[in-house]
Amino acid sequence: MSDDEISIGGGLFEEPEDFRPPPPQAHFTKYERNYATNETNHGINEINLRLVGKSPLWGHLLWNAGVYTANFIEKNSETYVKDKKVVELGAASALPSMLCALNGAAKVIATDYPDPDLLENIEYNINALGYDKAKDIIDVVGYIWGHSVAEVSARLAGVAVDENGEVDESLVKGDAGKADFIIMSDLVFNHSEHEGLFKSCKRLIKPLKNGEPRSGGKCLVVFSPHRPHLVDRDLQFFTDAKELHGFDVEQIEMIHWDHPMFPEEPAETEEIRRRMYCYILHPTW
């Protein structure tokens, strides 16, 4: 995997149609629901996910962290998801968003970079899920980390958004446009975007209730180190979250997945690449 980082705040270069061969076709993978309850199953034992053929933002893969996140949601839905407002950043296939809908979320906003192929693919997966309520629960929004959260907040609050994504922000009252749960699955590898992620989370997360510690919204952060020599920079995200951005950082666990994402990479780095880190960031404001 290259050390090059993608700055998702910039534009993507346009190329002539015949500049390179057509991109690979979309492909499918399955997620088996091993932790659904009778209440949350809805007759769906597995989810058939369509992934884009190729994406410069790595949206063409179902990452190990995505599977871990999906399992976490199913196991802990009563605490984090049921009757909650949820935002997923960097949704890709939107598996976590769909599982939030199946597990009783009140509203889910699945966001990714405003690339038509990525967003259309999310819509496809929601429509193909086989759970009609998901189409009402989940909104798909093109969003760049660190930019205005007005449209996302409006959709959380149930405020009308026009066809250009414009909204009258004065209509979003109090905490109605805030999220109870923000999902960030395998995003911290992109070190140049950490500040954007923090800005988005701080603008969207529900604040504390009467100043009571850990009574506000929760930001779930899951990742594996894909570049072992940069694992310290991955982990710097959590130091910065606490020291620079005022989050209360809770490490849930660090486990070893049964296989790394890229088994063809050097065996001597496999132990690090198999690690799965799970954290919750709590607001302190």
Protein backbone atom coordinates (compact mmCIF):
# COMPACT_ATOMS: atom_id res chain seq x y z
CA MET A 1 0.00 0.00 0.00
CA SER A 2 1.40 3.37 -0.94
CA ASP A 3 2.39 5.98 1.61
CA ASP A 4 0.64 8.56 -0.53
CA GLU A 5 -2.32 10.10 1.23
CA ILE A 6 -5.49 11.27 -0.44
CA SER A 7 -6.49 14.82 0.31
CA ILE A 8 -10.25 14.53 0.00
CA GLY A 9 -10.64 18.26 0.36
CA GLY A 10 -9.39 18.77 -3.20
CA GLY A 11 -10.87 17.94 -6.57
CA LEU A 12 -10.29 14.82 -8.60
CA PHE A 13 -8.54 15.29 -11.93
CA GLU A 14 -10.66 14.85 -15.02
CA GLU A 15 -9.21 12.80 -17.86
CA PRO A 16 -10.21 12.26 -21.50
CA GLU A 17 -12.56 9.31 -21.90
CA ASP A 18 -9.97 7.32 -23.87
CA PHE A 19 -7.06 8.15 -21.58
CA ARG A 20 -7.12 4.78 -19.84
CA PRO A 21 -9.08 1.51 -20.01
CA PRO A 22 -12.57 1.48 -18.51
CA PRO A 23 -12.62 0.87 -14.74
CA PRO A 24 -13.29 -2.61 -13.36
CA GLN A 25 -16.91 -3.60 -12.98
CA ALA A 26 -18.67 -3.44 -9.64
CA HIS A 27 -18.41 -6.65 -7.62
CA PHE A 28 -20.20 -8.24 -4.70
CA THR A 29 -19.32 -9.59 -1.28
CA LYS A 30 -21.42 -10.96 1.56
CA TYR A 31 -21.70 -10.06 5.23
CA GLU A 32 -23.14 -12.79 7.46
CA ARG A 33 -25.21 -11.53 10.38
CA ASN A 34 -23.97 -13.69 13.24
CA TYR A 35 -25.14 -11.39 16.04
CA ALA A 36 -28.65 -10.33 15.00
CA THR A 37 -31.47 -10.98 17.46
CA ASN A 38 -34.98 -12.18 16.69
CA GLU A 39 -36.09 -8.55 16.96
CA THR A 40 -33.46 -7.17 14.61
CA ASN A 41 -33.17 -10.00 12.08
CA HIS A 42 -36.11 -8.94 9.86
CA GLY A 43 -35.59 -12.12 7.85
CA ILE A 44 -32.16 -10.95 6.67
CA ASN A 45 -29.43 -13.43 7.62
CA GLU A 46 -26.82 -12.06 5.26
CA ILE A 47 -26.29 -8.85 3.34
CA ASN A 48 -25.11 -8.95 -0.26
CA LEU A 49 -23.00 -5.81 -0.74
CA ARG A 50 -22.14 -4.25 -4.06
CA LEU A 51 -18.74 -2.56 -4.07
CA VAL A 52 -17.62 -0.10 -6.73
CA GLY A 53 -15.17 -1.56 -9.25
CA LYS A 54 -12.35 0.78 -8.25
CA SER A 55 -12.15 3.89 -6.12
CA PRO A 56 -9.33 6.36 -5.46
CA LEU A 57 -10.81 6.63 -1.95
CA TRP A 58 -10.57 2.85 -1.31
CA GLY A 59 -14.36 2.43 -1.41
CA HIS A 60 -14.01 -0.68 -3.58
CA LEU A 61 -13.07 -2.93 -0.65
CA LEU A 62 -14.90 -4.34 2.35
CA TRP A 63 -12.28 -3.73 4.99
CA ASN A 64 -11.70 -5.94 8.02
CA ALA A 65 -12.50 -2.88 10.12
CA GLY A 66 -15.84 -2.60 8.33
CA VAL A 67 -16.73 -6.16 9.33
CA TYR A 68 -15.59 -5.50 12.91
CA THR A 69 -17.69 -2.32 12.99
CA ALA A 70 -20.71 -4.18 11.66
CA ASN A 71 -20.31 -6.85 14.35
CA PHE A 72 -19.87 -4.16 17.03
CA ILE A 73 -23.13 -2.50 15.98
CA GLU A 74 -25.06 -5.77 16.06
CA LYS A 75 -23.63 -6.70 19.48
CA ASN A 76 -24.15 -3.27 21.05
CA SER A 77 -27.20 -1.89 19.28
CA GLU A 78 -29.24 -1.36 22.46
CA THR A 79 -26.54 0.97 23.81
CA TYR A 80 -25.45 2.89 20.71
CA VAL A 81 -28.07 2.52 17.98
CA LYS A 82 -31.66 1.83 18.98
CA ASP A 83 -33.78 4.99 18.69
CA LYS A 84 -30.60 7.02 18.02
CA LYS A 85 -29.55 9.44 15.32
CA VAL A 86 -26.49 8.12 13.50
CA VAL A 87 -23.95 9.56 11.04
CA GLU A 88 -21.46 7.39 9.18
CA LEU A 89 -18.42 9.16 7.73
CA GLY A 90 -16.65 7.50 4.78
CA ALA A 91 -19.46 4.99 4.39
CA ALA A 92 -18.23 3.20 1.19
CA SER A 93 -20.68 0.25 0.94
CA ALA A 94 -22.62 1.65 3.95
CA LEU A 95 -22.77 -1.72 5.72
CA PRO A 96 -22.68 -0.11 9.20
CA SER A 97 -25.40 2.36 8.21
CA MET A 98 -27.66 -0.44 6.99
CA LEU A 99 -27.12 -2.43 10.17
CA CYS A 100 -28.02 0.64 12.21
CA ALA A 101 -31.32 0.81 10.31
CA LEU A 102 -31.96 -2.89 10.91
CA ASN A 103 -31.16 -2.42 14.61
CA GLY A 104 -33.72 0.30 15.20
CA ALA A 105 -31.93 3.61 14.59
CA ALA A 106 -34.29 6.58 14.39
CA LYS A 107 -32.31 8.23 11.57
CA VAL A 108 -29.09 7.40 9.74
CA ILE A 109 -27.06 9.66 7.46
CA ALA A 110 -24.62 7.67 5.32
CA THR A 111 -21.98 10.04 3.99
CA ASP A 112 -19.05 9.68 1.64
CA TYR A 113 -17.05 11.86 -0.71
CA PRO A 114 -19.43 13.42 -3.27
CA ASP A 115 -18.37 11.08 -6.05
CA PRO A 116 -21.43 9.93 -8.08
CA ASP A 117 -20.28 6.31 -8.33
CA LEU A 118 -19.74 6.01 -4.57
CA LEU A 119 -23.06 7.63 -3.67
CA GLU A 120 -25.05 5.68 -6.27
CA ASN A 121 -23.51 2.48 -4.94
CA ILE A 122 -24.68 3.29 -1.41
CA GLU A 123 -28.20 3.93 -2.73
CA TYR A 124 -28.08 0.61 -4.59
CA ASN A 125 -27.15 -1.32 -1.44
CA ILE A 126 -29.90 0.33 0.61
CA ASN A 127 -32.51 -0.46 -2.06
CA ALA A 128 -31.28 -4.05 -2.36
CA LEU A 129 -31.21 -4.69 1.39
CA GLY A 130 -34.69 -6.18 1.50
CA TYR A 131 -35.85 -3.94 4.38
CA ASP A 132 -38.14 -1.26 3.04
CA LYS A 133 -37.95 0.89 6.19
CA ALA A 134 -34.24 1.42 5.52
CA LYS A 135 -35.13 3.64 2.56
CA ASP A 136 -36.87 6.05 4.94
CA ILE A 137 -34.39 5.73 7.80
CA ILE A 138 -31.18 6.24 5.78
CA ASP A 139 -30.32 9.39 3.85
CA VAL A 140 -27.28 9.40 1.57
CA VAL A 141 -25.27 12.63 1.51
CA GLY A 142 -22.10 13.59 -0.34
CA TYR A 143 -19.89 15.19 2.29
CA ILE A 144 -16.25 16.31 2.59
CA TRP A 145 -14.77 16.08 6.09
CA GLY A 146 -14.25 19.42 7.80
CA HIS A 147 -16.75 21.26 5.59
CA SER A 148 -20.12 22.66 6.63
CA VAL A 149 -22.37 20.10 8.30
CA ALA A 150 -25.54 22.09 7.53
CA GLU A 151 -27.11 19.50 5.23
CA VAL A 152 -26.24 16.58 7.50
CA SER A 153 -27.63 18.40 10.54
CA ALA A 154 -30.78 19.37 8.68
CA ARG A 155 -31.44 15.78 7.69
CA LEU A 156 -30.89 14.63 11.28
CA ALA A 157 -33.42 17.25 12.40
CA GLY A 158 -35.94 16.41 9.68
CA VAL A 159 -35.63 19.87 8.14
CA ALA A 160 -36.23 20.23 4.41
CA VAL A 161 -33.20 20.33 2.11
CA ASP A 162 -33.54 21.61 -1.44
CA GLU A 163 -32.24 19.87 -4.56
CA ASN A 164 -28.90 21.72 -4.26
CA GLY A 165 -28.37 20.62 -0.67
CA GLU A 166 -29.20 24.09 0.65
CA VAL A 167 -31.00 24.50 3.95
CA ASP A 168 -32.29 27.26 6.19
CA GLU A 169 -30.01 26.63 9.17
CA SER A 170 -32.23 28.72 11.45
CA LEU A 171 -34.79 25.91 11.30
CA VAL A 172 -32.39 23.44 12.96
CA LYS A 173 -33.13 24.02 16.64
CA GLY A 174 -31.06 22.98 19.67
CA ASP A 175 -29.69 19.46 19.54
CA ALA A 176 -32.14 18.30 16.86
CA GLY A 177 -29.36 18.38 14.27
CA LYS A 178 -26.84 16.54 16.43
CA ALA A 179 -25.84 12.87 16.24
CA ASP A 180 -26.01 10.39 19.09
CA PHE A 181 -23.55 8.11 17.31
CA ILE A 182 -20.90 8.86 14.68
CA ILE A 183 -19.18 5.95 12.90
CA MET A 184 -15.63 6.23 11.55
CA SER A 185 -14.46 2.88 10.26
CA ASP A 186 -10.91 2.65 8.88
CA LEU A 187 -10.49 6.37 8.22
CA VAL A 188 -7.55 7.35 10.42
CA PHE A 189 -4.97 5.96 7.96
CA ASN A 190 -5.42 9.20 6.01
CA HIS A 191 -3.36 11.41 8.30
CA SER A 192 -3.81 14.59 6.29
CA GLU A 193 -7.56 14.44 6.98
CA HIS A 194 -7.48 14.09 10.78
CA GLU A 195 -8.29 17.76 11.36
CA GLY A 196 -11.24 17.56 9.01
CA LEU A 197 -12.59 14.53 10.85
CA PHE A 198 -12.27 16.30 14.20
CA LYS A 199 -14.06 19.39 12.89
CA SER A 200 -16.93 17.32 11.54
CA CYS A 201 -17.30 15.29 14.73
CA LYS A 202 -17.24 18.34 16.98
CA ARG A 203 -19.92 20.07 14.90
CA LEU A 204 -22.18 17.02 14.73
CA ILE A 205 -21.86 15.19 18.05
CA LYS A 206 -24.55 15.66 20.68
CA PRO A 207 -23.12 17.50 23.74
CA LEU A 208 -23.25 16.39 27.37
CA LYS A 209 -26.50 16.31 29.31
CA ASN A 210 -26.21 18.76 32.23
CA GLY A 211 -22.42 18.42 32.09
CA GLU A 212 -22.52 14.75 33.10
CA PRO A 213 -19.35 12.96 31.84
CA ARG A 214 -19.92 10.57 28.93
CA SER A 215 -23.60 11.51 28.71
CA GLY A 216 -23.39 12.98 25.21
CA GLY A 217 -23.01 11.38 21.81
CA LYS A 218 -20.39 8.76 20.99
CA CYS A 219 -17.86 8.67 18.14
CA LEU A 220 -16.88 5.10 17.25
CA VAL A 221 -13.40 4.87 15.70
CA VAL A 222 -12.21 1.51 14.38
CA PHE A 223 -9.07 0.87 12.37
CA SER A 224 -6.27 -1.52 11.44
CA PRO A 225 -2.73 -0.28 10.70
CA HIS A 226 -2.28 -0.86 6.98
CA ARG A 227 1.18 0.76 6.93
CA PRO A 228 3.04 -0.73 9.90
CA HIS A 229 5.84 1.86 9.86
CA LEU A 230 3.21 4.59 10.31
CA VAL A 231 1.22 3.03 13.15
CA ASP A 232 2.42 5.76 15.54
CA ARG A 233 0.90 8.37 13.25
CA ASP A 234 -2.36 6.40 13.19
CA LEU A 235 -2.42 6.37 16.99
CA GLN A 236 -1.57 10.07 17.13
CA PHE A 237 -5.21 10.61 16.15
CA PHE A 238 -6.28 9.67 19.67
CA THR A 239 -3.63 11.78 21.38
CA ASP A 240 -4.75 14.75 19.31
CA ALA A 241 -8.40 13.97 20.03
CA LYS A 242 -7.71 14.36 23.74
CA GLU A 243 -5.01 17.02 23.89
CA LEU A 244 -5.99 19.28 21.00
CA HIS A 245 -9.73 18.74 20.63
CA GLY A 246 -10.99 18.04 24.13
CA PHE A 247 -12.43 14.57 23.63
CA ASP A 248 -12.56 12.01 26.42
CA VAL A 249 -10.87 9.04 24.71
CA GLU A 250 -11.96 5.53 25.71
CA GLN A 251 -10.14 2.53 24.28
CA ILE A 252 -12.59 -0.34 23.98
CA GLU A 253 -10.12 -3.00 22.88
CA MET A 254 -7.26 -4.02 20.62
CA ILE A 255 -7.60 -7.51 19.16
CA HIS A 256 -5.91 -9.44 16.37
CA TRP A 257 -8.09 -10.21 13.34
CA ASP A 258 -7.73 -13.68 11.88
CA HIS A 259 -6.12 -12.30 8.70
CA PRO A 260 -4.65 -9.00 7.49
CA MET A 261 -6.25 -7.02 4.66
CA PHE A 262 -3.33 -7.54 2.30
CA PRO A 263 -1.84 -11.02 2.90
CA GLU A 264 0.65 -10.57 0.06
CA GLU A 265 2.57 -7.95 2.06
CA PRO A 266 5.65 -8.93 4.13
CA ALA A 267 5.06 -11.63 6.75
CA GLU A 268 7.19 -9.79 9.30
CA THR A 269 4.60 -7.01 9.48
CA GLU A 270 1.58 -9.29 9.74
CA GLU A 271 1.19 -9.00 13.51
CA ILE A 272 0.75 -5.23 13.26
CA ARG A 273 -1.49 -5.41 10.19
CA ARG A 274 -3.81 -7.90 11.92
CA ARG A 275 -4.43 -5.54 14.83
CA MET A 276 -7.91 -4.11 15.20
CA TYR A 277 -8.26 -1.04 17.38
CA CYS A 278 -11.61 0.17 18.71
CA TYR A 279 -12.12 3.48 20.50
CA ILE A 280 -15.01 5.68 21.59
CA LEU A 281 -14.54 9.46 21.61
CA HIS A 282 -16.81 11.27 24.08
CA PRO A 283 -17.39 15.04 23.96
CA THR A 284 -16.52 16.93 27.14
CA TRP A 285 -18.65 19.98 26.31
